[in-house]
Amino acid sequence: MKVLLFCAKGFETMEFSVFVDVMGWARNDYDYPVEVETCGFTKTVYSTFNVPVIVDKTLDEISADDYSALAIPGGFEEFGFYEEAYNPALLNLIQAFDIQKKPIASICVAALVLGKSGIITNRKATTYHLKNGYRQKQLAEFGVNVVNERIVIDDNVITSYCPETAADVAFELLNKLCGKEKMLVVKSAMGYR
C-alpha cells in the first residue's frame, strides 16, 4: 500500500508530519506494508512559515492508479496555499482517487480543496471551525453538508476541523488501509489513547 501525501505551497508542517510518522511507525515497528510518497508541484515546496520540504515526486509524475490513498494537509492563505491547492491538475487528481473510491484524508482547510474539486458536493464534511466559522461557510458554498465536528467521515473521505485533529486523521487513514485492530496497535505504541 502506498499513500500519496500532497504538499501544496503553504501547507502546515504539523499536518504533513503526522502522516509520515503514523505510517512510518506502522511500517517500521509492525511491518504493516504502508509507504508514504510525498508530492508537490515543484521538488522543493515551501510550507507555512517558509520551511522548505523536498518532495519525492512532482504532480506531473503521478497517477492515482499507483496509490492506495491520498492525504492532503491544510495550509495558510497568506503563504500561498490556495494558489496551488486550487490548481485544476490537483483537483483532477482528487477526482481520480474518488472515482476509484480510494481513501482521501484532509486536515483543516484542505477540505476546501476537496470541496473545490466537487467530490464532496452533497456529502458530509467539515473544515476549520474557529474565527466565526468563516471557512465552514466557504465549504458550504461548494454544496457540502457541513458538520461542525472534529472529524467527519463520509464513505472514503475524511475531513477535520483544525490542526489539533491531525494525528487522529492519520490514524483514521491507517484504519481504512489496515483495519481497526492494526491501527489501535500503532496508536497505543505512539502513546495515544
N, C-alpha and C. Protein backbone atom coordinates (compact mmCIF):
# COMPACT_ATOMS: atom_id res chain seq x y z
N MET A 1 0.84 -1.18 0.00
CA MET A 1 0.00 0.00 0.00
C MET A 1 0.88 1.24 0.00
N LYS A 2 0.43 2.24 -0.74
CA LYS A 2 1.20 3.47 -0.81
C LYS A 2 0.26 4.66 -0.70
N VAL A 3 0.58 5.57 0.22
CA VAL A 3 -0.19 6.80 0.42
C VAL A 3 0.53 7.93 -0.31
N LEU A 4 -0.21 8.68 -1.11
CA LEU A 4 0.32 9.88 -1.74
C LEU A 4 0.04 11.05 -0.81
N LEU A 5 1.08 11.71 -0.34
CA LEU A 5 0.96 12.85 0.56
C LEU A 5 1.25 14.10 -0.25
N PHE A 6 0.18 14.84 -0.58
CA PHE A 6 0.34 16.01 -1.46
C PHE A 6 0.61 17.27 -0.66
N CYS A 7 1.62 18.01 -1.07
CA CYS A 7 2.03 19.24 -0.38
C CYS A 7 1.87 20.44 -1.30
N ALA A 8 0.83 21.22 -1.07
CA ALA A 8 0.67 22.48 -1.79
C ALA A 8 1.51 23.54 -1.08
N LYS A 9 1.97 24.52 -1.82
CA LYS A 9 2.72 25.63 -1.23
C LYS A 9 1.93 26.17 -0.03
N GLY A 10 2.64 26.45 1.07
CA GLY A 10 1.99 26.98 2.25
C GLY A 10 1.31 25.95 3.13
N PHE A 11 1.60 24.63 2.89
CA PHE A 11 0.99 23.59 3.72
C PHE A 11 1.55 23.66 5.15
N GLU A 12 0.80 23.16 6.10
CA GLU A 12 1.24 23.15 7.50
C GLU A 12 2.08 21.92 7.79
N THR A 13 3.28 22.14 8.28
CA THR A 13 4.20 21.02 8.52
C THR A 13 3.66 20.06 9.58
N MET A 14 2.97 20.58 10.59
CA MET A 14 2.39 19.71 11.62
C MET A 14 1.37 18.74 11.01
N GLU A 15 0.58 19.24 10.07
CA GLU A 15 -0.44 18.41 9.44
C GLU A 15 0.16 17.45 8.42
N PHE A 16 1.31 17.76 7.91
CA PHE A 16 2.07 16.90 6.99
C PHE A 16 2.74 15.76 7.75
N SER A 17 3.40 16.11 8.85
CA SER A 17 4.26 15.15 9.55
C SER A 17 3.51 13.97 10.16
N VAL A 18 2.24 14.17 10.53
CA VAL A 18 1.51 13.07 11.17
C VAL A 18 1.35 11.88 10.23
N PHE A 19 1.16 12.12 8.96
CA PHE A 19 1.01 11.02 8.01
C PHE A 19 2.33 10.26 7.86
N VAL A 20 3.43 11.00 7.82
CA VAL A 20 4.75 10.38 7.72
C VAL A 20 5.02 9.53 8.96
N ASP A 21 4.73 10.08 10.15
CA ASP A 21 5.03 9.38 11.40
C ASP A 21 4.12 8.18 11.64
N VAL A 22 2.82 8.36 11.52
CA VAL A 22 1.89 7.25 11.79
C VAL A 22 2.14 6.10 10.83
N MET A 23 2.25 6.38 9.55
CA MET A 23 2.51 5.30 8.58
C MET A 23 3.92 4.74 8.77
N GLY A 24 4.85 5.59 9.17
CA GLY A 24 6.22 5.14 9.43
C GLY A 24 6.29 4.17 10.60
N TRP A 25 5.59 4.50 11.69
CA TRP A 25 5.53 3.57 12.84
C TRP A 25 4.89 2.24 12.41
N ALA A 26 3.83 2.31 11.64
CA ALA A 26 3.13 1.09 11.20
C ALA A 26 4.08 0.20 10.38
N ARG A 27 4.82 0.82 9.49
CA ARG A 27 5.72 0.08 8.61
C ARG A 27 6.97 -0.39 9.35
N ASN A 28 7.61 0.51 10.09
CA ASN A 28 8.89 0.23 10.72
C ASN A 28 8.77 -0.73 11.91
N ASP A 29 7.81 -0.47 12.79
CA ASP A 29 7.71 -1.24 14.03
C ASP A 29 6.84 -2.48 13.92
N TYR A 30 5.91 -2.50 12.95
CA TYR A 30 4.96 -3.63 12.88
C TYR A 30 4.89 -4.30 11.52
N ASP A 31 5.72 -3.87 10.59
CA ASP A 31 5.76 -4.46 9.25
C ASP A 31 4.42 -4.39 8.52
N TYR A 32 3.60 -3.39 8.84
CA TYR A 32 2.39 -3.16 8.06
C TYR A 32 2.85 -2.47 6.78
N PRO A 33 2.46 -2.99 5.64
CA PRO A 33 3.01 -2.51 4.36
C PRO A 33 2.39 -1.20 3.88
N VAL A 34 2.69 -0.11 4.59
CA VAL A 34 2.14 1.19 4.22
C VAL A 34 3.30 2.17 3.99
N GLU A 35 3.51 2.54 2.75
CA GLU A 35 4.54 3.51 2.42
C GLU A 35 3.90 4.89 2.19
N VAL A 36 4.70 5.91 2.31
CA VAL A 36 4.25 7.28 2.04
C VAL A 36 5.17 7.87 0.98
N GLU A 37 4.57 8.44 -0.04
CA GLU A 37 5.35 9.14 -1.06
C GLU A 37 4.85 10.58 -1.09
N THR A 38 5.77 11.52 -0.99
CA THR A 38 5.40 12.94 -0.99
C THR A 38 5.40 13.51 -2.40
N CYS A 39 4.59 14.54 -2.58
CA CYS A 39 4.42 15.10 -3.92
C CYS A 39 4.07 16.57 -3.81
N GLY A 40 4.47 17.33 -4.81
CA GLY A 40 4.11 18.74 -4.90
C GLY A 40 4.18 19.18 -6.35
N PHE A 41 3.90 20.44 -6.60
CA PHE A 41 4.02 20.95 -7.97
C PHE A 41 5.48 21.17 -8.34
N THR A 42 6.34 21.35 -7.33
CA THR A 42 7.77 21.53 -7.54
C THR A 42 8.50 20.61 -6.57
N LYS A 43 9.76 20.32 -6.85
CA LYS A 43 10.54 19.41 -5.98
C LYS A 43 10.75 19.97 -4.58
N THR A 44 10.91 21.29 -4.47
CA THR A 44 11.00 21.93 -3.17
C THR A 44 9.73 22.74 -2.95
N VAL A 45 9.03 22.41 -1.88
CA VAL A 45 7.78 23.09 -1.56
C VAL A 45 8.00 23.87 -0.26
N TYR A 46 7.66 25.15 -0.29
CA TYR A 46 7.79 25.97 0.91
C TYR A 46 6.49 25.92 1.70
N SER A 47 6.58 25.38 2.89
CA SER A 47 5.41 25.23 3.75
C SER A 47 5.10 26.53 4.47
N THR A 48 4.05 26.48 5.28
CA THR A 48 3.72 27.61 6.14
C THR A 48 4.96 27.96 6.96
N PHE A 49 5.19 29.22 7.15
CA PHE A 49 6.35 29.76 7.86
C PHE A 49 7.65 29.53 7.09
N ASN A 50 7.52 29.27 5.76
CA ASN A 50 8.64 29.19 4.82
C ASN A 50 9.67 28.11 5.10
N VAL A 51 9.23 26.97 5.61
CA VAL A 51 10.12 25.83 5.81
C VAL A 51 10.15 25.03 4.50
N PRO A 52 11.33 24.85 3.88
CA PRO A 52 11.39 24.12 2.63
C PRO A 52 11.35 22.60 2.86
N VAL A 53 10.59 21.92 2.03
CA VAL A 53 10.49 20.46 2.08
C VAL A 53 10.74 19.93 0.67
N ILE A 54 11.64 18.99 0.56
CA ILE A 54 11.92 18.36 -0.74
C ILE A 54 11.04 17.13 -0.86
N VAL A 55 10.19 17.10 -1.89
CA VAL A 55 9.24 16.00 -2.07
C VAL A 55 9.82 14.93 -3.00
N ASP A 56 9.21 13.75 -2.94
CA ASP A 56 9.68 12.61 -3.74
C ASP A 56 9.40 12.79 -5.23
N LYS A 57 8.21 13.30 -5.54
CA LYS A 57 7.80 13.42 -6.94
C LYS A 57 7.04 14.72 -7.16
N THR A 58 6.98 15.12 -8.43
CA THR A 58 6.13 16.25 -8.78
C THR A 58 4.82 15.72 -9.36
N LEU A 59 3.80 16.57 -9.34
CA LEU A 59 2.46 16.13 -9.71
C LEU A 59 2.39 15.54 -11.11
N ASP A 60 3.20 16.04 -12.02
CA ASP A 60 3.16 15.53 -13.39
C ASP A 60 3.67 14.09 -13.51
N GLU A 61 4.26 13.55 -12.45
CA GLU A 61 4.74 12.16 -12.44
C GLU A 61 3.74 11.20 -11.80
N ILE A 62 2.57 11.71 -11.39
CA ILE A 62 1.66 10.96 -10.54
C ILE A 62 0.43 10.46 -11.29
N SER A 63 0.03 9.23 -10.97
CA SER A 63 -1.25 8.67 -11.41
C SER A 63 -1.94 8.07 -10.19
N ALA A 64 -3.21 8.35 -10.02
CA ALA A 64 -3.97 7.80 -8.89
C ALA A 64 -3.94 6.27 -8.89
N ASP A 65 -3.76 5.67 -10.04
CA ASP A 65 -3.73 4.20 -10.14
C ASP A 65 -2.60 3.59 -9.34
N ASP A 66 -1.55 4.34 -9.08
CA ASP A 66 -0.36 3.81 -8.41
C ASP A 66 -0.40 3.92 -6.88
N TYR A 67 -1.51 4.42 -6.33
CA TYR A 67 -1.59 4.68 -4.89
C TYR A 67 -2.86 4.09 -4.29
N SER A 68 -2.79 3.81 -3.00
CA SER A 68 -3.94 3.26 -2.27
C SER A 68 -4.77 4.36 -1.62
N ALA A 69 -4.19 5.52 -1.37
CA ALA A 69 -4.87 6.61 -0.68
C ALA A 69 -4.18 7.93 -0.96
N LEU A 70 -4.92 9.01 -0.68
CA LEU A 70 -4.41 10.37 -0.84
C LEU A 70 -4.56 11.11 0.49
N ALA A 71 -3.52 11.84 0.89
CA ALA A 71 -3.58 12.65 2.11
C ALA A 71 -3.17 14.07 1.75
N ILE A 72 -3.94 15.05 2.28
CA ILE A 72 -3.66 16.45 1.98
C ILE A 72 -3.71 17.26 3.27
N PRO A 73 -2.56 17.79 3.69
CA PRO A 73 -2.58 18.71 4.84
C PRO A 73 -3.11 20.07 4.41
N GLY A 74 -3.69 20.80 5.37
CA GLY A 74 -4.15 22.15 5.09
C GLY A 74 -2.99 23.13 5.11
N GLY A 75 -3.31 24.41 4.96
CA GLY A 75 -2.26 25.41 4.93
C GLY A 75 -2.80 26.81 5.13
N PHE A 76 -1.93 27.78 5.01
CA PHE A 76 -2.27 29.17 5.26
C PHE A 76 -2.41 29.94 3.94
N GLU A 77 -3.48 30.68 3.83
CA GLU A 77 -3.71 31.50 2.64
C GLU A 77 -2.58 32.50 2.44
N GLU A 78 -2.11 33.12 3.54
CA GLU A 78 -1.07 34.14 3.41
C GLU A 78 0.28 33.57 2.98
N PHE A 79 0.44 32.25 3.00
CA PHE A 79 1.66 31.61 2.49
C PHE A 79 1.41 30.96 1.12
N GLY A 80 0.29 31.31 0.49
CA GLY A 80 0.03 30.88 -0.88
C GLY A 80 -0.65 29.54 -1.06
N PHE A 81 -1.24 29.01 0.02
CA PHE A 81 -1.83 27.66 -0.05
C PHE A 81 -2.81 27.49 -1.20
N TYR A 82 -3.77 28.39 -1.34
CA TYR A 82 -4.82 28.19 -2.34
C TYR A 82 -4.33 28.42 -3.76
N GLU A 83 -3.21 29.11 -3.93
CA GLU A 83 -2.65 29.31 -5.27
C GLU A 83 -2.37 27.97 -5.93
N GLU A 84 -1.83 27.03 -5.16
CA GLU A 84 -1.55 25.69 -5.72
C GLU A 84 -2.67 24.70 -5.42
N ALA A 85 -3.27 24.81 -4.24
CA ALA A 85 -4.27 23.83 -3.83
C ALA A 85 -5.50 23.82 -4.74
N TYR A 86 -5.81 24.96 -5.35
CA TYR A 86 -6.96 25.05 -6.25
C TYR A 86 -6.58 24.84 -7.72
N ASN A 87 -5.35 24.42 -7.97
CA ASN A 87 -4.90 24.17 -9.34
C ASN A 87 -5.71 23.02 -9.96
N PRO A 88 -6.22 23.20 -11.18
CA PRO A 88 -7.02 22.14 -11.81
C PRO A 88 -6.35 20.77 -11.88
N ALA A 89 -5.03 20.74 -12.00
CA ALA A 89 -4.33 19.44 -12.06
C ALA A 89 -4.50 18.67 -10.75
N LEU A 90 -4.42 19.36 -9.62
CA LEU A 90 -4.64 18.70 -8.33
C LEU A 90 -6.11 18.31 -8.17
N LEU A 91 -7.01 19.19 -8.56
CA LEU A 91 -8.44 18.88 -8.46
C LEU A 91 -8.78 17.64 -9.29
N ASN A 92 -8.19 17.51 -10.47
CA ASN A 92 -8.40 16.31 -11.30
C ASN A 92 -7.86 15.06 -10.63
N LEU A 93 -6.72 15.17 -9.97
CA LEU A 93 -6.14 14.02 -9.26
C LEU A 93 -7.07 13.59 -8.12
N ILE A 94 -7.59 14.54 -7.37
CA ILE A 94 -8.52 14.23 -6.29
C ILE A 94 -9.74 13.49 -6.84
N GLN A 95 -10.26 13.97 -7.95
CA GLN A 95 -11.41 13.32 -8.58
C GLN A 95 -11.08 11.88 -8.99
N ALA A 96 -9.86 11.67 -9.48
CA ALA A 96 -9.45 10.31 -9.89
C ALA A 96 -9.40 9.36 -8.69
N PHE A 97 -8.91 9.83 -7.55
CA PHE A 97 -8.91 9.00 -6.35
C PHE A 97 -10.34 8.68 -5.92
N ASP A 98 -11.22 9.69 -5.98
CA ASP A 98 -12.60 9.49 -5.54
C ASP A 98 -13.36 8.54 -6.45
N ILE A 99 -13.15 8.65 -7.75
CA ILE A 99 -13.81 7.75 -8.70
C ILE A 99 -13.48 6.30 -8.37
N GLN A 100 -12.24 6.06 -7.94
CA GLN A 100 -11.81 4.70 -7.58
C GLN A 100 -12.16 4.34 -6.13
N LYS A 101 -12.85 5.26 -5.43
CA LYS A 101 -13.26 5.05 -4.03
C LYS A 101 -12.08 4.79 -3.10
N LYS A 102 -10.93 5.35 -3.43
CA LYS A 102 -9.76 5.22 -2.57
C LYS A 102 -9.87 6.23 -1.44
N PRO A 103 -9.36 5.91 -0.25
CA PRO A 103 -9.44 6.85 0.87
C PRO A 103 -8.74 8.17 0.55
N ILE A 104 -9.41 9.26 0.95
CA ILE A 104 -8.86 10.61 0.81
C ILE A 104 -8.97 11.27 2.17
N ALA A 105 -7.82 11.63 2.74
CA ALA A 105 -7.79 12.25 4.07
C ALA A 105 -7.33 13.70 3.94
N SER A 106 -8.08 14.60 4.55
CA SER A 106 -7.69 16.00 4.56
C SER A 106 -7.74 16.52 5.99
N ILE A 107 -6.89 17.48 6.27
CA ILE A 107 -6.87 18.10 7.59
C ILE A 107 -7.18 19.58 7.42
N CYS A 108 -8.05 20.09 8.28
CA CYS A 108 -8.36 21.52 8.36
C CYS A 108 -8.83 22.05 7.00
N VAL A 109 -8.23 23.13 6.50
CA VAL A 109 -8.73 23.76 5.28
C VAL A 109 -8.46 22.99 4.00
N ALA A 110 -7.76 21.87 4.08
CA ALA A 110 -7.61 21.02 2.88
C ALA A 110 -8.97 20.51 2.43
N ALA A 111 -9.97 20.50 3.33
CA ALA A 111 -11.33 20.12 2.93
C ALA A 111 -11.88 21.08 1.87
N LEU A 112 -11.43 22.34 1.90
CA LEU A 112 -11.87 23.30 0.88
C LEU A 112 -11.40 22.87 -0.51
N VAL A 113 -10.24 22.24 -0.56
CA VAL A 113 -9.72 21.74 -1.84
C VAL A 113 -10.62 20.61 -2.34
N LEU A 114 -11.03 19.72 -1.42
CA LEU A 114 -11.95 18.66 -1.80
C LEU A 114 -13.28 19.25 -2.26
N GLY A 115 -13.73 20.30 -1.56
CA GLY A 115 -14.96 20.98 -1.97
C GLY A 115 -14.83 21.58 -3.36
N LYS A 116 -13.73 22.24 -3.63
CA LYS A 116 -13.48 22.85 -4.93
C LYS A 116 -13.45 21.78 -6.04
N SER A 117 -12.94 20.59 -5.71
CA SER A 117 -12.87 19.51 -6.70
C SER A 117 -14.24 18.94 -7.04
N GLY A 118 -15.22 19.19 -6.16
CA GLY A 118 -16.57 18.69 -6.40
C GLY A 118 -16.87 17.33 -5.81
N ILE A 119 -15.88 16.68 -5.21
CA ILE A 119 -16.11 15.30 -4.75
C ILE A 119 -16.97 15.20 -3.49
N ILE A 120 -17.09 16.31 -2.75
CA ILE A 120 -17.90 16.24 -1.52
C ILE A 120 -19.18 17.07 -1.62
N THR A 121 -19.56 17.45 -2.83
CA THR A 121 -20.84 18.11 -3.03
C THR A 121 -21.95 17.15 -2.59
N ASN A 122 -22.87 17.66 -1.79
CA ASN A 122 -23.98 16.87 -1.23
C ASN A 122 -23.52 15.75 -0.30
N ARG A 123 -22.31 15.87 0.23
CA ARG A 123 -21.80 14.90 1.20
C ARG A 123 -21.47 15.66 2.48
N LYS A 124 -21.27 14.89 3.56
CA LYS A 124 -20.91 15.49 4.85
C LYS A 124 -19.41 15.70 4.94
N ALA A 125 -19.03 16.85 5.51
CA ALA A 125 -17.61 17.15 5.70
C ALA A 125 -17.49 18.31 6.69
N THR A 126 -16.27 18.59 7.09
CA THR A 126 -16.01 19.73 7.96
C THR A 126 -14.69 20.37 7.56
N THR A 127 -14.44 21.54 8.11
CA THR A 127 -13.18 22.25 7.91
C THR A 127 -12.99 23.20 9.09
N TYR A 128 -11.99 24.05 9.01
CA TYR A 128 -11.64 24.95 10.12
C TYR A 128 -12.89 25.64 10.68
N HIS A 129 -13.09 25.52 11.98
CA HIS A 129 -14.33 25.95 12.61
C HIS A 129 -14.23 27.22 13.45
N LEU A 130 -13.03 27.72 13.70
CA LEU A 130 -12.87 28.90 14.55
C LEU A 130 -13.02 30.19 13.73
N LYS A 131 -12.83 31.33 14.38
CA LYS A 131 -12.97 32.64 13.71
C LYS A 131 -14.34 32.77 13.05
N ASN A 132 -15.39 32.49 13.84
CA ASN A 132 -16.79 32.58 13.40
C ASN A 132 -17.14 31.62 12.26
N GLY A 133 -16.36 30.54 12.13
CA GLY A 133 -16.69 29.51 11.15
C GLY A 133 -16.64 29.97 9.70
N TYR A 134 -15.81 30.97 9.40
CA TYR A 134 -15.80 31.50 8.03
C TYR A 134 -15.34 30.48 7.00
N ARG A 135 -14.44 29.59 7.38
CA ARG A 135 -14.01 28.55 6.43
C ARG A 135 -15.12 27.51 6.24
N GLN A 136 -15.89 27.22 7.28
CA GLN A 136 -17.01 26.29 7.13
C GLN A 136 -18.07 26.89 6.20
N LYS A 137 -18.26 28.20 6.28
CA LYS A 137 -19.20 28.87 5.37
C LYS A 137 -18.71 28.76 3.93
N GLN A 138 -17.39 28.91 3.74
CA GLN A 138 -16.83 28.74 2.39
C GLN A 138 -17.04 27.32 1.88
N LEU A 139 -16.87 26.34 2.76
CA LEU A 139 -17.06 24.94 2.37
C LEU A 139 -18.51 24.71 1.95
N ALA A 140 -19.45 25.29 2.68
CA ALA A 140 -20.86 25.14 2.35
C ALA A 140 -21.19 25.72 0.97
N GLU A 141 -20.44 26.74 0.54
CA GLU A 141 -20.65 27.34 -0.78
C GLU A 141 -20.35 26.36 -1.91
N PHE A 142 -19.61 25.29 -1.62
CA PHE A 142 -19.35 24.24 -2.61
C PHE A 142 -20.44 23.17 -2.61
N GLY A 143 -21.52 23.42 -1.86
CA GLY A 143 -22.62 22.46 -1.82
C GLY A 143 -22.40 21.31 -0.86
N VAL A 144 -21.50 21.52 0.10
CA VAL A 144 -21.16 20.49 1.08
C VAL A 144 -22.09 20.61 2.29
N ASN A 145 -22.50 19.48 2.84
CA ASN A 145 -23.28 19.44 4.08
C ASN A 145 -22.29 19.53 5.24
N VAL A 146 -22.05 20.74 5.72
CA VAL A 146 -21.02 20.98 6.73
C VAL A 146 -21.51 20.51 8.11
N VAL A 147 -20.67 19.72 8.75
CA VAL A 147 -20.94 19.21 10.09
C VAL A 147 -19.86 19.78 11.01
N ASN A 148 -20.26 20.44 12.08
CA ASN A 148 -19.28 21.05 12.98
C ASN A 148 -18.82 20.03 14.02
N GLU A 149 -18.01 19.08 13.57
CA GLU A 149 -17.42 18.05 14.42
C GLU A 149 -15.93 17.96 14.12
N ARG A 150 -15.16 17.40 15.08
CA ARG A 150 -13.70 17.31 14.94
C ARG A 150 -13.30 16.59 13.65
N ILE A 151 -13.90 15.44 13.45
CA ILE A 151 -13.59 14.63 12.27
C ILE A 151 -14.90 14.13 11.69
N VAL A 152 -15.02 14.23 10.38
CA VAL A 152 -16.21 13.74 9.68
C VAL A 152 -15.74 12.76 8.61
N ILE A 153 -16.33 11.58 8.64
CA ILE A 153 -16.02 10.55 7.63
C ILE A 153 -17.28 10.29 6.82
N ASP A 154 -17.18 10.46 5.53
CA ASP A 154 -18.28 10.17 4.62
C ASP A 154 -17.75 9.23 3.56
N ASP A 155 -18.05 7.96 3.73
CA ASP A 155 -17.58 6.91 2.82
C ASP A 155 -16.04 6.90 2.79
N ASN A 156 -15.43 7.26 1.67
CA ASN A 156 -13.97 7.18 1.53
C ASN A 156 -13.25 8.48 1.92
N VAL A 157 -14.00 9.52 2.33
CA VAL A 157 -13.40 10.84 2.58
C VAL A 157 -13.39 11.16 4.07
N ILE A 158 -12.21 11.59 4.53
CA ILE A 158 -12.01 12.01 5.92
C ILE A 158 -11.70 13.50 5.91
N THR A 159 -12.46 14.29 6.69
CA THR A 159 -12.17 15.71 6.84
C THR A 159 -12.11 16.02 8.33
N SER A 160 -11.44 17.12 8.67
CA SER A 160 -11.34 17.50 10.08
C SER A 160 -11.33 19.01 10.20
N TYR A 161 -11.49 19.51 11.46
CA TYR A 161 -11.68 20.95 11.55
C TYR A 161 -10.56 21.81 12.09
N CYS A 162 -9.44 21.27 12.49
CA CYS A 162 -8.32 22.14 12.86
C CYS A 162 -7.05 21.31 13.05
N PRO A 163 -5.89 21.95 13.20
CA PRO A 163 -4.64 21.20 13.33
C PRO A 163 -4.63 20.20 14.49
N GLU A 164 -5.39 20.48 15.54
CA GLU A 164 -5.43 19.58 16.70
C GLU A 164 -5.87 18.17 16.32
N THR A 165 -6.60 18.04 15.24
CA THR A 165 -7.15 16.74 14.81
C THR A 165 -6.16 15.92 13.96
N ALA A 166 -5.01 16.50 13.66
CA ALA A 166 -4.10 15.91 12.67
C ALA A 166 -3.77 14.45 12.92
N ALA A 167 -3.32 14.11 14.12
CA ALA A 167 -2.95 12.72 14.40
C ALA A 167 -4.15 11.79 14.24
N ASP A 168 -5.30 12.21 14.71
CA ASP A 168 -6.48 11.36 14.60
C ASP A 168 -6.87 11.11 13.15
N VAL A 169 -6.68 12.09 12.29
CA VAL A 169 -6.95 11.89 10.86
C VAL A 169 -6.00 10.83 10.30
N ALA A 170 -4.73 10.92 10.66
CA ALA A 170 -3.76 9.93 10.18
C ALA A 170 -4.12 8.53 10.68
N PHE A 171 -4.56 8.43 11.93
CA PHE A 171 -4.98 7.12 12.45
C PHE A 171 -6.22 6.62 11.72
N GLU A 172 -7.15 7.50 11.40
CA GLU A 172 -8.34 7.09 10.64
C GLU A 172 -7.95 6.58 9.25
N LEU A 173 -6.96 7.22 8.65
CA LEU A 173 -6.50 6.75 7.34
C LEU A 173 -5.84 5.37 7.48
N LEU A 174 -5.03 5.20 8.51
CA LEU A 174 -4.42 3.89 8.75
C LEU A 174 -5.50 2.83 8.98
N ASN A 175 -6.55 3.19 9.68
CA ASN A 175 -7.68 2.29 9.92
C ASN A 175 -8.29 1.84 8.59
N LYS A 176 -8.50 2.78 7.67
CA LYS A 176 -9.08 2.45 6.37
C LYS A 176 -8.15 1.53 5.56
N LEU A 177 -6.85 1.68 5.75
CA LEU A 177 -5.89 0.90 4.97
C LEU A 177 -5.58 -0.47 5.58
N CYS A 178 -5.50 -0.54 6.91
CA CYS A 178 -5.02 -1.76 7.56
C CYS A 178 -6.03 -2.40 8.52
N GLY A 179 -7.11 -1.69 8.82
CA GLY A 179 -8.10 -2.22 9.75
C GLY A 179 -7.91 -1.66 11.15
N LYS A 180 -9.00 -1.72 11.91
CA LYS A 180 -9.03 -1.10 13.23
C LYS A 180 -8.03 -1.73 14.20
N GLU A 181 -7.92 -3.05 14.20
CA GLU A 181 -7.03 -3.72 15.15
C GLU A 181 -5.58 -3.26 14.98
N LYS A 182 -5.11 -3.22 13.75
CA LYS A 182 -3.73 -2.79 13.50
C LYS A 182 -3.55 -1.31 13.81
N MET A 183 -4.56 -0.52 13.46
CA MET A 183 -4.48 0.91 13.76
C MET A 183 -4.35 1.13 15.27
N LEU A 184 -5.13 0.40 16.06
CA LEU A 184 -5.08 0.55 17.51
C LEU A 184 -3.73 0.15 18.10
N VAL A 185 -3.09 -0.83 17.49
CA VAL A 185 -1.74 -1.25 17.94
C VAL A 185 -0.77 -0.09 17.76
N VAL A 186 -0.78 0.53 16.60
CA VAL A 186 0.12 1.65 16.32
C VAL A 186 -0.22 2.84 17.20
N LYS A 187 -1.48 3.14 17.34
CA LYS A 187 -1.92 4.28 18.14
C LYS A 187 -1.45 4.13 19.58
N SER A 188 -1.60 2.95 20.13
CA SER A 188 -1.17 2.68 21.50
C SER A 188 0.35 2.79 21.63
N ALA A 189 1.06 2.25 20.67
CA ALA A 189 2.52 2.28 20.69
C ALA A 189 3.05 3.73 20.65
N MET A 190 2.29 4.61 20.01
CA MET A 190 2.70 6.00 19.90
C MET A 190 2.22 6.83 21.10
N GLY A 191 1.55 6.18 22.06
CA GLY A 191 1.15 6.85 23.29
C GLY A 191 -0.20 7.54 23.24
N TYR A 192 -0.96 7.30 22.17
CA TYR A 192 -2.31 7.87 22.07
C TYR A 192 -3.31 6.90 22.67
N ARG A 193 -4.40 7.43 23.17
CA ARG A 193 -5.47 6.59 23.75
C ARG A 193 -6.65 6.52 22.84
